[in-house]
Amino acid sequence: MRNSIEGFSKSDHFRYRQWDRQISDNLLSKILKDIETNNCNTLLIVSRKVLKKINKNINEELFIKVDNKTLITCFYCQFQEYMANKRVQKYLIIDNI
């Protein structure tokens, strides 16, 4: 597991969560390849369709928190559950890679 990927650096917390959730650098690279590194306080939401396409058989979306050039954390959650809590931030939905 590398400390940086596609122009983003990984926080220690992110690397632990990446390991804990078994998210490979290869998968991250595919997700992040077209994402600008200057996104401030943004949550990337990777659809189930994308995850299934790359053989991640999970029935939830993958959320990746990005702040400027740093990956902060990642987790799986159902989109509807997450959106039920009103949070102020930007979202970027990734539905195709």
Protein backbone atom coordinates (compact mmCIF):
# COMPACT_ATOMS: atom_id res chain seq x y z
CA MET A 1 0.00 0.00 0.00
CA ARG A 2 1.51 3.29 -1.11
CA ASN A 3 1.43 6.64 0.73
CA SER A 4 0.17 8.50 -2.33
CA ILE A 5 -1.87 7.70 -5.41
CA GLU A 6 -2.96 9.66 -8.52
CA GLY A 7 -1.67 12.95 -7.07
CA PHE A 8 -3.34 12.47 -3.68
CA SER A 9 -1.51 11.76 -0.44
CA LYS A 10 -3.07 9.36 2.05
CA SER A 11 -3.54 10.30 5.69
CA ASP A 12 -2.60 7.65 8.26
CA HIS A 13 -6.28 7.28 9.08
CA PHE A 14 -7.12 6.73 5.40
CA ARG A 15 -4.44 4.05 5.02
CA TYR A 16 -5.79 2.19 8.04
CA ARG A 17 -9.37 2.41 6.72
CA GLN A 18 -8.22 1.34 3.26
CA TRP A 19 -6.56 -1.73 4.74
CA ASP A 20 -9.52 -2.46 7.06
CA ARG A 21 -12.03 -2.26 4.20
CA GLN A 22 -9.81 -4.16 1.76
CA ILE A 23 -9.71 -1.42 -0.88
CA SER A 24 -6.78 -2.02 -3.20
CA ASP A 25 -4.53 0.68 -4.63
CA ASN A 26 -5.54 -0.61 -8.06
CA LEU A 27 -9.21 0.14 -7.32
CA LEU A 28 -8.34 3.56 -5.87
CA SER A 29 -6.28 4.38 -8.93
CA LYS A 30 -9.23 3.62 -11.21
CA ILE A 31 -11.55 5.74 -9.08
CA LEU A 32 -9.22 8.71 -8.67
CA LYS A 33 -7.65 8.90 -12.14
CA ASP A 34 -9.95 11.68 -13.41
CA ILE A 35 -10.57 13.48 -10.10
CA GLU A 36 -9.02 16.92 -9.64
CA THR A 37 -6.69 17.17 -6.65
CA ASN A 38 -7.93 20.61 -5.58
CA ASN A 39 -11.32 19.43 -4.25
CA CYS A 40 -11.83 20.97 -0.82
CA ASN A 41 -14.06 19.17 1.69
CA THR A 42 -15.52 16.84 -0.92
CA LEU A 43 -17.06 13.42 -0.53
CA LEU A 44 -16.58 11.08 -3.49
CA ILE A 45 -19.41 8.59 -3.72
CA VAL A 46 -18.61 5.49 -5.78
CA SER A 47 -21.78 3.75 -6.95
CA ARG A 48 -22.56 0.09 -6.41
CA LYS A 49 -22.59 -0.34 -10.17
CA VAL A 50 -18.94 0.72 -10.39
CA LEU A 51 -17.96 -1.51 -7.46
CA LYS A 52 -19.68 -4.54 -9.01
CA LYS A 53 -18.02 -3.81 -12.34
CA ILE A 54 -14.63 -4.22 -10.67
CA ASN A 55 -15.67 -7.34 -8.75
CA LYS A 56 -16.30 -5.71 -5.35
CA ASN A 57 -19.51 -7.48 -4.42
CA ILE A 58 -20.80 -5.01 -1.83
CA ASN A 59 -24.36 -3.80 -1.52
CA GLU A 60 -23.39 -0.27 -0.41
CA GLU A 61 -21.65 2.71 -1.94
CA LEU A 62 -18.03 3.55 -1.22
CA PHE A 63 -17.50 7.01 0.28
CA ILE A 64 -14.07 8.66 0.09
CA LYS A 65 -13.48 11.93 1.93
CA VAL A 66 -11.06 14.26 0.12
CA ASP A 67 -9.66 17.58 1.27
CA ASN A 68 -7.42 19.29 -1.26
CA LYS A 69 -4.71 16.76 -2.17
CA THR A 70 -5.31 14.47 0.82
CA LEU A 71 -7.47 11.38 1.17
CA ILE A 72 -8.94 11.63 4.68
CA THR A 73 -11.07 8.50 5.18
CA CYS A 74 -13.17 5.92 3.35
CA PHE A 75 -16.16 3.83 4.33
CA TYR A 76 -19.05 1.84 2.96
CA CYS A 77 -22.57 3.09 3.58
CA GLN A 78 -25.93 3.15 1.86
CA PHE A 79 -26.45 6.44 0.06
CA GLN A 80 -29.92 6.95 1.51
CA GLU A 81 -28.66 6.47 5.08
CA TYR A 82 -25.84 8.93 4.64
CA MET A 83 -28.01 11.59 3.03
CA ALA A 84 -30.56 11.34 5.87
CA ASN A 85 -28.06 13.28 8.01
CA LYS A 86 -27.86 16.86 6.80
CA ARG A 87 -24.20 17.63 6.22
CA VAL A 88 -22.68 20.68 4.59
CA GLN A 89 -20.10 19.68 2.00
CA LYS A 90 -19.60 19.04 -1.69
CA TYR A 91 -20.41 15.68 -3.27
CA LEU A 92 -19.06 14.05 -6.38
CA ILE A 93 -20.85 10.88 -7.52
CA ILE A 94 -18.78 8.45 -9.54
CA ASP A 95 -21.04 6.24 -11.62
CA ASN A 96 -18.61 5.18 -14.32
CA ILE A 97 -14.90 4.40 -14.56
